[in-house]
């Protein structure tokens, strides 16, 4: 009987030791997992910031290109208007010349 009780006590002690070891391993695992999650969140935040920066840069470039396109369109319109005016003036001169003849 005493031998059986001693074995039960030893097993109980071993179970407690293993449980403590398992608990410690679980705590270490949780810390490592928490660190990995934090690292992933930080990386995700950096990627998000980088993506937003790229979008901002693209928007600025789009605005620059739109401004350039608008300026080119204005220049084209002015040139076209000048050509139309020149053509009208030439037509008027030809008309006057034709009327004189």
PDB file of N, CA and C in Angstrom:
ATOM      1  N   UNK A   1       0.837  -1.192   0.000  1.00  0.00           N
ATOM      2  CA  UNK A   1       0.000   0.000   0.000  1.00  0.00           C
ATOM      3  C   UNK A   1       0.883   1.258   0.000  1.00  0.00           C
ATOM      4  N   UNK A   2       1.873   1.266   0.883  1.00  0.00           N
ATOM      5  CA  UNK A   2       2.769   2.425   0.973  1.00  0.00           C
ATOM      6  C   UNK A   2       3.514   2.636  -0.348  1.00  0.00           C
ATOM      7  N   UNK A   3       3.923   1.545  -0.934  1.00  0.00           N
ATOM      8  CA  UNK A   3       4.635   1.627  -2.219  1.00  0.00           C
ATOM      9  C   UNK A   3       3.726   2.221  -3.287  1.00  0.00           C
ATOM     10  N   UNK A   4       2.488   1.819  -3.302  1.00  0.00           N
ATOM     11  CA  UNK A   4       1.534   2.335  -4.286  1.00  0.00           C
ATOM     12  C   UNK A   4       1.307   3.826  -4.058  1.00  0.00           C
ATOM     13  N   UNK A   5       1.173   4.225  -2.779  1.00  0.00           N
ATOM     14  CA  UNK A   5       0.971   5.646  -2.465  1.00  0.00           C
ATOM     15  C   UNK A   5       2.196   6.466  -2.853  1.00  0.00           C
ATOM     16  N   UNK A   6       3.381   5.907  -2.610  1.00  0.00           N
ATOM     17  CA  UNK A   6       4.609   6.609  -2.975  1.00  0.00           C
ATOM     18  C   UNK A   6       4.689   6.797  -4.491  1.00  0.00           C
ATOM     19  N   UNK A   7       4.324   5.758  -5.244  1.00  0.00           N
ATOM     20  CA  UNK A   7       4.333   5.865  -6.706  1.00  0.00           C
ATOM     21  C   UNK A   7       3.312   6.899  -7.180  1.00  0.00           C
ATOM     22  N   UNK A   8       2.147   6.913  -6.568  1.00  0.00           N
ATOM     23  CA  UNK A   8       1.127   7.898  -6.927  1.00  0.00           C
ATOM     24  C   UNK A   8       1.645   9.299  -6.636  1.00  0.00           C
ATOM     25  N   UNK A   9       2.285   9.486  -5.466  1.00  0.00           N
ATOM     26  CA  UNK A   9       2.847  10.789  -5.105  1.00  0.00           C
ATOM     27  C   UNK A   9       3.932  11.207  -6.109  1.00  0.00           C
ATOM     28  N   UNK A  10       4.804  10.266  -6.450  1.00  0.00           N
ATOM     29  CA  UNK A  10       5.858  10.572  -7.417  1.00  0.00           C
ATOM     30  C   UNK A  10       5.259  10.943  -8.772  1.00  0.00           C
ATOM     31  N   UNK A  11       4.250  10.200  -9.189  1.00  0.00           N
ATOM     32  CA  UNK A  11       3.593  10.505 -10.465  1.00  0.00           C
ATOM     33  C   UNK A  11       2.912  11.872 -10.409  1.00  0.00           C
ATOM     34  N   UNK A  12       2.309  12.156  -9.260  1.00  0.00           N
ATOM     35  CA  UNK A  12       1.653  13.462  -9.096  1.00  0.00           C
ATOM     36  C   UNK A  12       2.694  14.582  -9.178  1.00  0.00           C
ATOM     37  N   UNK A  13       3.858  14.362  -8.528  1.00  0.00           N
ATOM     38  CA  UNK A  13       4.928  15.355  -8.582  1.00  0.00           C
ATOM     39  C   UNK A  13       5.428  15.527 -10.019  1.00  0.00           C
ATOM     40  N   UNK A  14       5.624  14.400 -10.692  1.00  0.00           N
ATOM     41  CA  UNK A  14       6.080  14.460 -12.082  1.00  0.00           C
ATOM     42  C   UNK A  14       5.036  15.168 -12.959  1.00  0.00           C
ATOM     43  N   UNK A  15       3.760  14.841 -12.733  1.00  0.00           N
ATOM     44  CA  UNK A  15       2.698  15.513 -13.487  1.00  0.00           C
ATOM     45  C   UNK A  15       2.734  17.022 -13.251  1.00  0.00           C
ATOM     46  N   UNK A  16       2.950  17.419 -12.005  1.00  0.00           N
ATOM     47  CA  UNK A  16       3.026  18.843 -11.669  1.00  0.00           C
ATOM     48  C   UNK A  16       4.237  19.480 -12.355  1.00  0.00           C
ATOM     49  N   UNK A  17       5.357  18.778 -12.354  1.00  0.00           N
ATOM     50  CA  UNK A  17       6.570  19.281 -13.015  1.00  0.00           C
ATOM     51  C   UNK A  17       6.312  19.446 -14.508  1.00  0.00           C
ATOM     52  N   UNK A  18       5.738  18.381 -15.116  1.00  0.00           N
ATOM     53  CA  UNK A  18       5.446  18.450 -16.555  1.00  0.00           C
ATOM     54  C   UNK A  18       4.439  19.545 -16.861  1.00  0.00           C
ATOM     55  N   UNK A  19       3.456  19.684 -15.999  1.00  0.00           N
ATOM     56  CA  UNK A  19       2.460  20.736 -16.189  1.00  0.00           C
ATOM     57  C   UNK A  19       3.128  22.103 -16.112  1.00  0.00           C
ATOM     58  N   UNK A  20       4.060  22.246 -15.164  1.00  0.00           N
ATOM     59  CA  UNK A  20       4.811  23.515 -15.055  1.00  0.00           C
ATOM     60  C   UNK A  20       5.655  23.760 -16.282  1.00  0.00           C
ATOM     61  N   UNK A  21       6.296  22.704 -16.758  1.00  0.00           N
ATOM     62  CA  UNK A  21       7.114  22.825 -17.974  1.00  0.00           C
ATOM     63  C   UNK A  21       6.219  23.183 -19.153  1.00  0.00           C
ATOM     64  N   UNK A  22       5.087  22.494 -19.278  1.00  0.00           N
ATOM     65  CA  UNK A  22       4.159  22.775 -20.367  1.00  0.00           C
ATOM     66  C   UNK A  22       3.637  24.206 -20.281  1.00  0.00           C
ATOM     67  N   UNK A  23       3.355  24.647 -19.053  1.00  0.00           N
ATOM     68  CA  UNK A  23       2.860  26.014 -18.870  1.00  0.00           C
ATOM     69  C   UNK A  23       3.935  27.020 -19.278  1.00  0.00           C
ATOM     70  N   UNK A  24       5.175  26.729 -18.886  1.00  0.00           N
ATOM     71  CA  UNK A  24       6.280  27.620 -19.243  1.00  0.00           C
ATOM     72  C   UNK A  24       6.479  27.630 -20.758  1.00  0.00           C
ATOM     73  N   UNK A  25       6.414  26.460 -21.377  1.00  0.00           N
ATOM     74  CA  UNK A  25       6.546  26.382 -22.834  1.00  0.00           C
ATOM     75  C   UNK A  25       5.405  27.149 -23.507  1.00  0.00           C
ATOM     76  N   UNK A  26       4.206  27.017 -22.975  1.00  0.00           N
ATOM     77  CA  UNK A  26       3.055  27.727 -23.534  1.00  0.00           C
ATOM     78  C   UNK A  26       3.253  29.238 -23.408  1.00  0.00           C
ATOM     79  N   UNK A  27       3.762  29.690 -22.259  1.00  0.00           N
ATOM     80  CA  UNK A  27       4.020  31.119 -22.073  1.00  0.00           C
ATOM     81  C   UNK A  27       5.068  31.612 -23.065  1.00  0.00           C
ATOM     82  N   UNK A  28       6.132  30.828 -23.233  1.00  0.00           N
ATOM     83  CA  UNK A  28       7.176  31.197 -24.188  1.00  0.00           C
ATOM     84  C   UNK A  28       6.610  31.236 -25.604  1.00  0.00           C
ATOM     85  N   UNK A  29       5.797  30.225 -25.934  1.00  0.00           N
ATOM     86  CA  UNK A  29       5.170  30.181 -27.249  1.00  0.00           C
ATOM     87  C   UNK A  29       4.278  31.405 -27.453  1.00  0.00           C
ATOM     88  N   UNK A  30       3.487  31.745 -26.419  1.00  0.00           N
ATOM     89  CA  UNK A  30       2.600  32.907 -26.518  1.00  0.00           C
ATOM     90  C   UNK A  30       3.394  34.193 -26.727  1.00  0.00           C
ATOM     91  N   UNK A  31       4.519  34.334 -26.017  1.00  0.00           N
ATOM     92  CA  UNK A  31       5.363  35.522 -26.178  1.00  0.00           C
ATOM     93  C   UNK A  31       5.923  35.592 -27.598  1.00  0.00           C
ATOM     94  N   UNK A  32       6.427  34.452 -28.081  1.00  0.00           N
ATOM     95  CA  UNK A  32       6.969  34.411 -29.438  1.00  0.00           C
ATOM     96  C   UNK A  32       5.882  34.730 -30.464  1.00  0.00           C
ATOM     97  N   UNK A  33       4.701  34.143 -30.260  1.00  0.00           N
ATOM     98  CA  UNK A  33       3.591  34.389 -31.171  1.00  0.00           C
ATOM     99  C   UNK A  33       3.189  35.856 -31.139  1.00  0.00           C
ATOM    100  N   UNK A  34       3.128  36.420 -29.951  1.00  0.00           N
ATOM    101  CA  UNK A  34       2.781  37.839 -29.811  1.00  0.00           C
ATOM    102  C   UNK A  34       3.817  38.703 -30.530  1.00  0.00           C
ATOM    103  N   UNK A  35       5.093  38.352 -30.400  1.00  0.00           N
ATOM    104  CA  UNK A  35       6.158  39.103 -31.070  1.00  0.00           C
ATOM    105  C   UNK A  35       6.007  38.998 -32.580  1.00  0.00           C
ATOM    106  N   UNK A  36       5.706  37.798 -33.076  1.00  0.00           N
ATOM    107  CA  UNK A  36       5.525  37.613 -34.509  1.00  0.00           C
ATOM    108  C   UNK A  36       4.328  38.415 -35.017  1.00  0.00           C
ATOM    109  N   UNK A  37       3.248  38.414 -34.245  1.00  0.00           N
ATOM    110  CA  UNK A  37       2.069  39.186 -34.632  1.00  0.00           C
ATOM    111  C   UNK A  37       2.408  40.670 -34.668  1.00  0.00           C
ATOM    112  N   UNK A  38       3.128  41.142 -33.662  1.00  0.00           N
ATOM    113  CA  UNK A  38       3.514  42.559 -33.612  1.00  0.00           C
ATOM    114  C   UNK A  38       4.409  42.910 -34.806  1.00  0.00           C
ATOM    115  N   UNK A  39       5.359  42.039 -35.100  1.00  0.00           N
ATOM    116  CA  UNK A  39       6.252  42.264 -36.235  1.00  0.00           C
ATOM    117  C   UNK A  39       5.447  42.312 -37.536  1.00  0.00           C
ATOM    118  N   UNK A  40       4.504  41.402 -37.681  1.00  0.00           N
ATOM    119  CA  UNK A  40       3.672  41.382 -38.884  1.00  0.00           C
ATOM    120  C   UNK A  40       2.820  42.649 -38.974  1.00  0.00           C
ATOM    121  N   UNK A  41       2.290  43.101 -37.836  1.00  0.00           N
ATOM    122  CA  UNK A  41       1.486  44.330 -37.833  1.00  0.00           C
ATOM    123  C   UNK A  41       2.340  45.536 -38.211  1.00  0.00           C
ATOM    124  N   UNK A  42       3.552  45.590 -37.687  1.00  0.00           N
ATOM    125  CA  UNK A  42       4.455  46.692 -38.016  1.00  0.00           C
ATOM    126  C   UNK A  42       4.799  46.670 -39.503  1.00  0.00           C
ATOM    127  N   UNK A  43       5.077  45.480 -40.022  1.00  0.00           N
ATOM    128  CA  UNK A  43       5.384  45.359 -41.451  1.00  0.00           C
ATOM    129  C   UNK A  43       4.180  45.777 -42.282  1.00  0.00           C
ATOM    130  N   UNK A  44       3.006  45.346 -41.874  1.00  0.00           N
ATOM    131  CA  UNK A  44       1.782  45.715 -42.584  1.00  0.00           C
ATOM    132  C   UNK A  44       1.580  47.224 -42.572  1.00  0.00           C
ATOM    133  N   UNK A  45       1.849  47.851 -41.445  1.00  0.00           N
ATOM    134  CA  UNK A  45       1.716  49.310 -41.342  1.00  0.00           C
ATOM    135  C   UNK A  45       2.714  50.000 -42.278  1.00  0.00           C
ATOM    136  N   UNK A  46       3.945  49.473 -42.328  1.00  0.00           N
ATOM    137  CA  UNK A  46       4.948  50.055 -43.232  1.00  0.00           C
ATOM    138  C   UNK A  46       4.517  49.891 -44.683  1.00  0.00           C
ATOM    139  N   UNK A  47       3.999  48.699 -45.022  1.00  0.00           N
ATOM    140  CA  UNK A  47       3.543  48.468 -46.394  1.00  0.00           C
ATOM    141  C   UNK A  47       2.386  49.396 -46.740  1.00  0.00           C
ATOM    142  N   UNK A  48       1.489  49.583 -45.777  1.00  0.00           N
ATOM    143  CA  UNK A  48       0.342  50.475 -45.990  1.00  0.00           C
ATOM    144  C   UNK A  48       0.828  51.904 -46.233  1.00  0.00           C
ATOM    145  N   UNK A  49       1.773  52.357 -45.407  1.00  0.00           N
ATOM    146  CA  UNK A  49       2.322  53.705 -45.583  1.00  0.00           C
ATOM    147  C   UNK A  49       2.997  53.835 -46.946  1.00  0.00           C
ATOM    148  N   UNK A  50       3.732  52.819 -47.336  1.00  0.00           N
ATOM    149  CA  UNK A  50       4.421  52.838 -48.633  1.00  0.00           C
ATOM    150  C   UNK A  50       3.403  52.878 -49.772  1.00  0.00           C
ATOM    151  N   UNK A  51       2.343  52.079 -49.635  1.00  0.00           N
ATOM    152  CA  UNK A  51       1.307  52.075 -50.667  1.00  0.00           C
ATOM    153  C   UNK A  51       0.635  53.447 -50.760  1.00  0.00           C
ATOM    154  N   UNK A  52       0.354  54.048 -49.603  1.00  0.00           N
ATOM    155  CA  UNK A  52      -0.269  55.375 -49.606  1.00  0.00           C
ATOM    156  C   UNK A  52       0.670  56.414 -50.201  1.00  0.00           C
ATOM    157  N   UNK A  53       1.963  56.294 -49.894  1.00  0.00           N
ATOM    158  CA  UNK A  53       2.938  57.235 -50.447  1.00  0.00           C
ATOM    159  C   UNK A  53       2.990  57.110 -51.966  1.00  0.00           C
ATOM    160  N   UNK A  54       2.976  55.855 -52.451  1.00  0.00           N
ATOM    161  CA  UNK A  54       3.005  55.641 -53.901  1.00  0.00           C
ATOM    162  C   UNK A  54       1.745  56.195 -54.556  1.00  0.00           C
ATOM    163  N   UNK A  55       0.598  55.996 -53.910  1.00  0.00           N
ATOM    164  CA  UNK A  55      -0.648  56.542 -54.451  1.00  0.00           C
ATOM    165  C   UNK A  55      -0.570  58.058 -54.499  1.00  0.00           C
ATOM    166  N   UNK A  56      -0.039  58.670 -53.421  1.00  0.00           N
ATOM    167  CA  UNK A  56       0.115  60.128 -53.395  1.00  0.00           C
ATOM    168  C   UNK A  56       1.037  60.593 -54.513  1.00  0.00           C
ATOM    169  N   UNK A  57       2.153  59.886 -54.692  1.00  0.00           N
ATOM    170  CA  UNK A  57       3.093  60.252 -55.757  1.00  0.00           C
ATOM    171  C   UNK A  57       2.430  60.128 -57.118  1.00  0.00           C
ATOM    172  N   UNK A  58       1.673  59.048 -57.324  1.00  0.00           N
ATOM    173  CA  UNK A  58       0.989  58.858 -58.600  1.00  0.00           C
ATOM    174  C   UNK A  58      -0.048  59.946 -58.823  1.00  0.00           C
ATOM    175  N   UNK A  59      -0.748  60.327 -57.753  1.00  0.00           N
ATOM    176  CA  UNK A  59      -1.745  61.396 -57.876  1.00  0.00           C
ATOM    177  C   UNK A  59      -1.057  62.712 -58.237  1.00  0.00           C
ATOM    178  N   UNK A  60       0.093  62.974 -57.603  1.00  0.00           N
ATOM    179  CA  UNK A  60       0.832  64.199 -57.935  1.00  0.00           C
ATOM    180  C   UNK A  60       1.286  64.166 -59.390  1.00  0.00           C
ATOM    181  N   UNK A  61       1.802  63.015 -59.819  1.00  0.00           N
ATOM    182  CA  UNK A  61       2.228  62.895 -61.217  1.00  0.00           C
ATOM    183  C   UNK A  61       1.043  63.065 -62.165  1.00  0.00           C
ATOM    184  N   UNK A  62      -0.084  62.457 -61.812  1.00  0.00           N
ATOM    185  CA  UNK A  62      -1.283  62.612 -62.642  1.00  0.00           C
ATOM    186  C   UNK A  62      -1.668  64.082 -62.742  1.00  0.00           C
ATOM    187  N   UNK A  63      -1.597  64.788 -61.616  1.00  0.00           N
ATOM    188  CA  UNK A  63      -1.942  66.214 -61.614  1.00  0.00           C
ATOM    189  C   UNK A  63      -0.955  66.995 -62.481  1.00  0.00           C
ATOM    190  N   UNK A  64       0.328  66.640 -62.371  1.00  0.00           N
ATOM    191  CA  UNK A  64       1.345  67.309 -63.194  1.00  0.00           C
ATOM    192  C   UNK A  64       1.066  67.052 -64.668  1.00  0.00           C
ATOM    193  N   UNK A  65       0.829  65.776 -65.007  1.00  0.00           N
ATOM    194  CA  UNK A  65       0.555  65.440 -66.406  1.00  0.00           C
ATOM    195  C   UNK A  65      -0.726  66.110 -66.890  1.00  0.00           C
ATOM    196  N   UNK A  66      -1.727  66.143 -66.027  1.00  0.00           N
ATOM    197  CA  UNK A  66      -2.983  66.804 -66.403  1.00  0.00           C
ATOM    198  C   UNK A  66      -2.722  68.282 -66.643  1.00  0.00           C
ATOM    199  N   UNK A  67      -1.900  68.890 -65.781  1.00  0.00           N
ATOM    200  CA  UNK A  67      -1.548  70.296 -65.969  1.00  0.00           C
ATOM    201  C   UNK A  67      -0.785  70.508 -67.260  1.00  0.00           C
ATOM    202  N   UNK A  68       0.140  69.599 -67.544  1.00  0.00           N
ATOM    203  CA  UNK A  68       0.904  69.688 -68.799  1.00  0.00           C
ATOM    204  C   UNK A  68      -0.048  69.525 -69.978  1.00  0.00           C
ATOM    205  N   UNK A  69      -0.936  68.528 -69.905  1.00  0.00           N
ATOM    206  CA  UNK A  69      -1.894  68.308 -70.986  1.00  0.00           C
ATOM    207  C   UNK A  69      -2.791  69.524 -71.167  1.00  0.00           C
ATOM    208  N   UNK A  70      -3.211  70.109 -70.046  1.00  0.00           N
ATOM    209  CA  UNK A  70      -4.080  71.295 -70.116  1.00  0.00           C
ATOM    210  C   UNK A  70      -3.322  72.450 -70.765  1.00  0.00           C
ATOM    211  N   UNK A  71      -2.058  72.616 -70.361  1.00  0.00           N
ATOM    212  CA  UNK A  71      -1.242  73.684 -70.934  1.00  0.00           C
ATOM    213  C   UNK A  71      -1.039  73.443 -72.429  1.00  0.00           C
ATOM    214  N   UNK A  72      -0.764  72.207 -72.819  1.00  0.00           N
ATOM    215  CA  UNK A  72      -0.597  71.877 -74.243  1.00  0.00           C
ATOM    216  C   UNK A  72      -1.888  72.148 -75.001  1.00  0.00           C
ATOM    217  N   UNK A  73      -3.022  71.799 -74.383  1.00  0.00           N
ATOM    218  CA  UNK A  73      -4.310  72.034 -75.027  1.00  0.00           C
ATOM    219  C   UNK A  73      -4.534  73.533 -75.209  1.00  0.00           C
ATOM    220  N   UNK A  74      -4.199  74.320 -74.182  1.00  0.00           N
ATOM    221  CA  UNK A  74      -4.348  75.774 -74.289  1.00  0.00           C
ATOM    222  C   UNK A  74      -3.453  76.326 -75.397  1.00  0.00           C
ATOM    223  N   UNK A  75      -2.210  75.837 -75.448  1.00  0.00           N
ATOM    224  CA  UNK A  75      -1.299  76.283 -76.499  1.00  0.00           C
ATOM    225  C   UNK A  75      -1.841  75.889 -77.873  1.00  0.00           C
ATOM    226  N   UNK A  76      -2.336  74.659 -77.995  1.00  0.00           N
ATOM    227  CA  UNK A  76      -2.905  74.201 -79.252  1.00  0.00           C
ATOM    228  C   UNK A  76      -4.090  75.077 -79.648  1.00  0.00           C
ATOM    229  N   UNK A  77      -4.958  75.379 -78.655  1.00  0.00           N
ATOM    230  CA  UNK A  77      -6.124  76.219 -78.947  1.00  0.00           C
ATOM    231  C   UNK A  77      -5.696  77.606 -79.426  1.00  0.00           C
ATOM    232  N   UNK A  78      -4.676  78.174 -78.766  1.00  0.00           N
ATOM    233  CA  UNK A  78      -4.182  79.494 -79.185  1.00  0.00           C
ATOM    234  C   UNK A  78      -3.622  79.434 -80.602  1.00  0.00           C
ATOM    235  N   UNK A  79      -2.823  78.392 -80.879  1.00  0.00           N
ATOM    236  CA  UNK A  79      -2.258  78.242 -82.219  1.00  0.00           C
ATOM    237  C   UNK A  79      -3.363  78.062 -83.254  1.00  0.00           C
ATOM    238  N   UNK A  80      -4.348  77.250 -82.915  1.00  0.00           N
ATOM    239  CA  UNK A  80      -5.464  77.017 -83.838  1.00  0.00           C
ATOM    240  C   UNK A  80      -6.233  78.317 -84.070  1.00  0.00           C
ATOM    241  N   UNK A  81      -6.469  79.060 -82.999  1.00  0.00           N
ATOM    242  CA  UNK A  81      -7.170  80.332 -83.113  1.00  0.00           C
ATOM    243  C   UNK A  81      -6.377  81.303 -83.996  1.00  0.00           C
ATOM    244  N   UNK A  82      -5.060  81.296 -83.814  1.00  0.00           N
ATOM    245  CA  UNK A  82      -4.204  82.160 -84.638  1.00  0.00           C
ATOM    246  C   UNK A  82      -4.288  81.759 -86.103  1.00  0.00           C
ATOM    247  N   UNK A  83      -4.263  80.445 -86.372  1.00  0.00           N
ATOM    248  CA  UNK A  83      -4.358  79.970 -87.747  1.00  0.00           C
ATOM    249  C   UNK A  83      -5.703  80.333 -88.364  1.00  0.00           C
ATOM    250  N   UNK A  84      -6.777  80.189 -87.574  1.00  0.00           N
ATOM    251  CA  UNK A  84      -8.106  80.550 -88.079  1.00  0.00           C
ATOM    252  C   UNK A  84      -8.140  82.048 -88.396  1.00  0.00           C
ATOM    253  N   UNK A  85      -7.601  82.846 -87.499  1.00  0.00           N
ATOM    254  CA  UNK A  85      -7.582  84.294 -87.712  1.00  0.00           C
ATOM    255  C   UNK A  85      -6.771  84.636 -88.959  1.00  0.00           C
ATOM    256  N   UNK A  86      -5.615  83.996 -89.114  1.00  0.00           N
ATOM    257  CA  UNK A  86      -4.773  84.236 -90.292  1.00  0.00           C
ATOM    258  C   UNK A  86      -5.517  83.841 -91.561  1.00  0.00           C
ATOM    259  N   UNK A  87      -6.203  82.698 -91.513  1.00  0.00           N
ATOM    260  CA  UNK A  87      -6.964  82.246 -92.677  1.00  0.00           C
ATOM    261  C   UNK A  87      -8.102  83.215 -92.981  1.00  0.00           C
ATOM    262  N   UNK A  88      -8.774  83.740 -91.955  1.00  0.00           N
ATOM    263  CA  UNK A  88      -9.851  84.701 -92.176  1.00  0.00           C
ATOM    264  C   UNK A  88      -9.311  85.999 -92.784  1.00  0.00           C
ATOM    265  N   UNK A  89      -8.164  86.438 -92.267  1.00  0.00           N
ATOM    266  CA  UNK A  89      -7.556  87.655 -92.809  1.00  0.00           C
ATOM    267  C   UNK A  89      -7.162  87.450 -94.270  1.00  0.00           C
ATOM    268  N   UNK A  90      -6.587  86.299 -94.571  1.00  0.00           N
ATOM    269  CA  UNK A  90      -6.200  86.013 -95.957  1.00  0.00           C
ATOM    270  C   UNK A  90      -7.436  85.944 -96.843  1.00  0.00           C
ATOM    271  N   UNK A  91      -8.475  85.327 -96.344  1.00  0.00           N
ATOM    272  CA  UNK A  91      -9.715  85.232 -97.111  1.00  0.00           C
ATOM    273  C   UNK A  91     -10.296  86.622 -97.374  1.00  0.00           C
ATOM    274  N   UNK A  92     -10.241  87.471 -96.367  1.00  0.00           N
ATOM    275  CA  UNK A  92     -10.748  88.834 -96.539  1.00  0.00           C
ATOM    276  C   UNK A  92      -9.919  89.583 -97.586  1.00  0.00           C
ATOM    277  N   UNK A  93      -8.586  89.406 -97.552  1.00  0.00           N
ATOM    278  CA  UNK A  93      -7.731  90.062 -98.540  1.00  0.00           C
ATOM    279  C   UNK A  93      -8.028  89.551 -99.937  1.00  0.00           C
ATOM    280  N   UNK A  94      -8.223  88.229-100.061  1.00  0.00           N
ATOM    281  CA  UNK A  94      -8.528  87.668-101.369  1.00  0.00           C
ATOM    282  C   UNK A  94      -9.881  88.194-101.873  1.00  0.00           C
ATOM    283  N   UNK A  95     -10.823  88.311-100.933  1.00  0.00           N
ATOM    284  CA  UNK A  95     -12.146  88.831-101.284  1.00  0.00           C
ATOM    285  C   UNK A  95     -12.023  90.275-101.786  1.00  0.00           C
ATOM    286  N   UNK A  96     -11.253  91.080-101.051  1.00  0.00           N
ATOM    287  CA  UNK A  96     -11.047  92.463-101.487  1.00  0.00           C
ATOM    288  C   UNK A  96     -10.370  92.508-102.839  1.00  0.00           C
ATOM    289  N   UNK A  97      -9.387  91.668-103.021  1.00  0.00           N
ATOM    290  CA  UNK A  97      -8.657  91.618-104.304  1.00  0.00           C
ATOM    291  C   UNK A  97      -9.601  91.222-105.425  1.00  0.00           C
ATOM    292  N   UNK A  98     -10.455  90.243-105.143  1.00  0.00           N
ATOM    293  CA  UNK A  98     -11.388  89.787-106.160  1.00  0.00           C
ATOM    294  C   UNK A  98     -12.398  90.896-106.514  1.00  0.00           C
ATOM    295  N   UNK A  99     -12.829  91.645-105.503  1.00  0.00           N
ATOM    296  CA  UNK A  99     -13.801  92.726-105.755  1.00  0.00           C
ATOM    297  C   UNK A  99     -13.149  93.854-106.555  1.00  0.00           C
ATOM    298  N   UNK A 100     -11.871  94.112-106.346  1.00  0.00           N
ATOM    299  CA  UNK A 100     -11.204  95.170-107.087  1.00  0.00           C
ATOM    300  C   UNK A 100     -11.027  94.780-108.556  1.00  0.00           C
ATOM    301  N   UNK A 101     -10.894  93.552-108.825  1.00  0.00           N
ATOM    302  CA  UNK A 101     -10.669  93.117-110.203  1.00  0.00           C
ATOM    303  C   UNK A 101     -11.972  93.051-110.876  1.00  0.00           C
TER     304      UNK A 101
END
